[in-house]
Structure formats: structure tokens, C-alpha cells
Amino acid sequence: MRFYEYQSVMNNTKWAEIRNAMNDCSINTIWRTKDVKTKYISDWDGDWFYHFKGNYKNIEWLEIKVENLEEKNQVINTLRTINVPGETQGDVIKVYGYVQNSNSVDYL
């Protein structure tokens, strides 16, 4: 599926790497996603293994919420090993699946 105003910056392999890394992470984080097609934002969820899997093609972004600076640094370091596009916003780390065509993207 193609969304003409957006550019894909992730693929299923990268999403699966995030799923596996966060499932193996020693801290408990919660996450939610936004669907690029429907604009639906999921509820916050803490299950990486069973709930964050499958077809990732419609994920506009993934937000990962952390409790403190130590957790934030640990999650950022984990995501840096995967080399994913994203940014931090307070206690939330946002990973982009799509960006608008006119926007540049930074990597964590």
C-alpha cells in the first residue's frame, strides 16, 4: 500500500528487531502505535511478544513510554543498535515508520 504524502522509513525486519529487543529488555515499558491509513492510535500496551507482531506496514509511528532517565537511556541505546528513525519527547521515545515527504528524519 502506498501513501503518497508519506515516505516509508522502516520495514518489517526493523519492526521485528524492535519487538525482539524490547521483549528481551530488562525493563517494562509500554507502547502504542498510530495507523498511517486510518489515523487510529492504539491504547497503551505492555506486551511486546504477543501484541506487537504481525504486519507492520501501516505503522506511522511507535511510541515507547519510560518511567525515568535510566530507562530512557537504556531504551535509546537498544534502539540505536537497530538504527531506527526517531526522536525523544519527554518520557516518550517515538520511532517513525513513515514521515511526510517534506520532512527529514533523524535516527536515534
C-alpha atoms as a PDB file:
ATOM      1  CA  MET A   1       0.000   0.000   0.000  1.00  0.00           C
ATOM      2  CA  ARG A   2       1.298   3.447  -0.896  1.00  0.00           C
ATOM      3  CA  PHE A   3       0.508   6.659   0.948  1.00  0.00           C
ATOM      4  CA  TYR A   4       1.501   9.435  -1.435  1.00  0.00           C
ATOM      5  CA  GLU A   5       2.074  12.113   1.174  1.00  0.00           C
ATOM      6  CA  TYR A   6       4.302   9.795   3.227  1.00  0.00           C
ATOM      7  CA  GLN A   7       7.632   8.093   2.760  1.00  0.00           C
ATOM      8  CA  SER A   8       8.312   4.735   4.414  1.00  0.00           C
ATOM      9  CA  VAL A   9      11.435   4.738   6.608  1.00  0.00           C
ATOM     10  CA  MET A  10      11.063   1.280   8.208  1.00  0.00           C
ATOM     11  CA  ASN A  11      10.462  -2.290   7.124  1.00  0.00           C
ATOM     12  CA  ASN A  12       9.130  -5.494   8.707  1.00  0.00           C
ATOM     13  CA  THR A  13      12.635  -6.656   9.609  1.00  0.00           C
ATOM     14  CA  LYS A  14      13.370  -3.494  11.620  1.00  0.00           C
ATOM     15  CA  TRP A  15       9.984  -3.678  13.391  1.00  0.00           C
ATOM     16  CA  ALA A  16      10.643  -7.318  14.280  1.00  0.00           C
ATOM     17  CA  GLU A  17      14.083  -6.347  15.623  1.00  0.00           C
ATOM     18  CA  ILE A  18      12.423  -3.737  17.850  1.00  0.00           C
ATOM     19  CA  ARG A  19       9.853  -6.297  19.026  1.00  0.00           C
ATOM     20  CA  ASN A  20      12.556  -8.822  19.929  1.00  0.00           C
ATOM     21  CA  ALA A  21      14.850  -6.267  21.582  1.00  0.00           C
ATOM     22  CA  MET A  22      12.072  -4.765  23.688  1.00  0.00           C
ATOM     23  CA  ASN A  23      10.749  -8.187  24.629  1.00  0.00           C
ATOM     24  CA  ASP A  24      14.251  -9.100  25.855  1.00  0.00           C
ATOM     25  CA  CYS A  25      14.734  -5.761  27.619  1.00  0.00           C
ATOM     26  CA  SER A  26      15.053  -5.958  31.397  1.00  0.00           C
ATOM     27  CA  ILE A  27      12.689  -3.026  31.980  1.00  0.00           C
ATOM     28  CA  ASN A  28       8.946  -2.999  31.482  1.00  0.00           C
ATOM     29  CA  THR A  29       7.858  -0.387  29.000  1.00  0.00           C
ATOM     30  CA  ILE A  30       4.517   0.438  27.467  1.00  0.00           C
ATOM     31  CA  TRP A  31       3.930   1.316  23.839  1.00  0.00           C
ATOM     32  CA  ARG A  32       1.288   2.433  21.377  1.00  0.00           C
ATOM     33  CA  THR A  33       1.122   2.889  17.614  1.00  0.00           C
ATOM     34  CA  LYS A  34      -0.597   5.111  15.085  1.00  0.00           C
ATOM     35  CA  ASP A  35      -2.004   3.673  11.864  1.00  0.00           C
ATOM     36  CA  VAL A  36      -0.948   5.718   8.833  1.00  0.00           C
ATOM     37  CA  LYS A  37      -4.063   4.799   6.867  1.00  0.00           C
ATOM     38  CA  THR A  38      -6.855   5.126   9.450  1.00  0.00           C
ATOM     39  CA  LYS A  39      -5.063   7.531  11.850  1.00  0.00           C
ATOM     40  CA  TYR A  40      -6.122   5.241  14.716  1.00  0.00           C
ATOM     41  CA  ILE A  41      -3.928   5.469  17.821  1.00  0.00           C
ATOM     42  CA  SER A  42      -3.885   2.272  19.838  1.00  0.00           C
ATOM     43  CA  ASP A  43      -4.223   2.076  23.590  1.00  0.00           C
ATOM     44  CA  TRP A  44      -1.021   1.819  25.624  1.00  0.00           C
ATOM     45  CA  ASP A  45       0.093  -1.797  25.855  1.00  0.00           C
ATOM     46  CA  GLY A  46       2.895  -3.569  27.705  1.00  0.00           C
ATOM     47  CA  ASP A  47       3.048  -6.859  25.796  1.00  0.00           C
ATOM     48  CA  TRP A  48       5.786  -6.873  23.172  1.00  0.00           C
ATOM     49  CA  PHE A  49       5.762 -10.597  22.411  1.00  0.00           C
ATOM     50  CA  TYR A  50       2.097 -11.344  21.645  1.00  0.00           C
ATOM     51  CA  HIS A  51       0.634  -7.929  20.850  1.00  0.00           C
ATOM     52  CA  PHE A  52       3.398  -6.215  18.877  1.00  0.00           C
ATOM     53  CA  LYS A  53       3.725  -8.607  15.984  1.00  0.00           C
ATOM     54  CA  GLY A  54       2.491  -9.359  12.546  1.00  0.00           C
ATOM     55  CA  ASN A  55       2.072  -6.947   9.704  1.00  0.00           C
ATOM     56  CA  TYR A  56       3.790  -3.662  10.454  1.00  0.00           C
ATOM     57  CA  LYS A  57       3.167  -1.955   7.099  1.00  0.00           C
ATOM     58  CA  ASN A  58       0.617   0.563   8.437  1.00  0.00           C
ATOM     59  CA  ILE A  59       2.544   1.815  11.479  1.00  0.00           C
ATOM     60  CA  GLU A  60       3.090   5.557  11.104  1.00  0.00           C
ATOM     61  CA  TRP A  61       4.852   5.694  14.453  1.00  0.00           C
ATOM     62  CA  LEU A  62       5.538   3.715  17.600  1.00  0.00           C
ATOM     63  CA  GLU A  63       5.744   5.472  20.959  1.00  0.00           C
ATOM     64  CA  ILE A  64       7.544   3.830  23.865  1.00  0.00           C
ATOM     65  CA  LYS A  65       6.919   5.316  27.306  1.00  0.00           C
ATOM     66  CA  VAL A  66       9.550   5.083  30.029  1.00  0.00           C
ATOM     67  CA  GLU A  67       9.439   5.858  33.742  1.00  0.00           C
ATOM     68  CA  ASN A  68      12.772   7.606  34.293  1.00  0.00           C
ATOM     69  CA  LEU A  69      16.008   8.798  32.698  1.00  0.00           C
ATOM     70  CA  GLU A  70      17.804   5.495  33.298  1.00  0.00           C
ATOM     71  CA  GLU A  71      15.085   3.557  31.458  1.00  0.00           C
ATOM     72  CA  LYS A  72      15.029   6.161  28.700  1.00  0.00           C
ATOM     73  CA  ASN A  73      18.768   5.828  28.141  1.00  0.00           C
ATOM     74  CA  GLN A  74      18.549   2.033  28.122  1.00  0.00           C
ATOM     75  CA  VAL A  75      15.758   2.020  25.521  1.00  0.00           C
ATOM     76  CA  ILE A  76      17.510   4.613  23.356  1.00  0.00           C
ATOM     77  CA  ASN A  77      20.738   2.590  23.443  1.00  0.00           C
ATOM     78  CA  THR A  78      18.803  -0.540  22.478  1.00  0.00           C
ATOM     79  CA  LEU A  79      17.126   1.258  19.567  1.00  0.00           C
ATOM     80  CA  ARG A  80      20.440   2.740  18.424  1.00  0.00           C
ATOM     81  CA  THR A  81      21.834  -0.747  17.912  1.00  0.00           C
ATOM     82  CA  ILE A  82      18.960  -1.351  15.483  1.00  0.00           C
ATOM     83  CA  ASN A  83      19.461   2.057  13.811  1.00  0.00           C
ATOM     84  CA  VAL A  84      15.879   3.280  13.656  1.00  0.00           C
ATOM     85  CA  PRO A  85      14.476   6.714  12.803  1.00  0.00           C
ATOM     86  CA  GLY A  86      13.002   8.572  15.723  1.00  0.00           C
ATOM     87  CA  GLU A  87      13.170  11.170  18.430  1.00  0.00           C
ATOM     88  CA  THR A  88      12.560  11.636  22.134  1.00  0.00           C
ATOM     89  CA  GLN A  89       9.817  13.772  23.601  1.00  0.00           C
ATOM     90  CA  GLY A  90       9.990  13.892  27.391  1.00  0.00           C
ATOM     91  CA  ASP A  91       9.291  10.397  28.734  1.00  0.00           C
ATOM     92  CA  VAL A  92       8.309   9.070  25.283  1.00  0.00           C
ATOM     93  CA  ILE A  93      10.579   7.708  22.567  1.00  0.00           C
ATOM     94  CA  LYS A  94       8.980   7.873  19.122  1.00  0.00           C
ATOM     95  CA  VAL A  95      10.073   5.581  16.284  1.00  0.00           C
ATOM     96  CA  TYR A  96       8.863   6.535  12.826  1.00  0.00           C
ATOM     97  CA  GLY A  97       7.548   4.073  10.270  1.00  0.00           C
ATOM     98  CA  TYR A  98       6.533   6.842   7.868  1.00  0.00           C
ATOM     99  CA  VAL A  99       7.420  10.514   7.581  1.00  0.00           C
ATOM    100  CA  GLN A 100       5.761  13.145   5.474  1.00  0.00           C
ATOM    101  CA  ASN A 101       7.562  13.624   2.181  1.00  0.00           C
ATOM    102  CA  SER A 102       8.631  17.163   3.069  1.00  0.00           C
ATOM    103  CA  ASN A 103      10.170  16.189   6.428  1.00  0.00           C
ATOM    104  CA  SER A 104      13.661  14.918   7.064  1.00  0.00           C
ATOM    105  CA  VAL A 105      14.202  12.143   9.568  1.00  0.00           C
ATOM    106  CA  ASP A 106      16.777  11.777  12.334  1.00  0.00           C
ATOM    107  CA  TYR A 107      17.975   8.480  13.726  1.00  0.00           C
ATOM    108  CA  LEU A 108      18.191   7.709  17.426  1.00  0.00           C
END
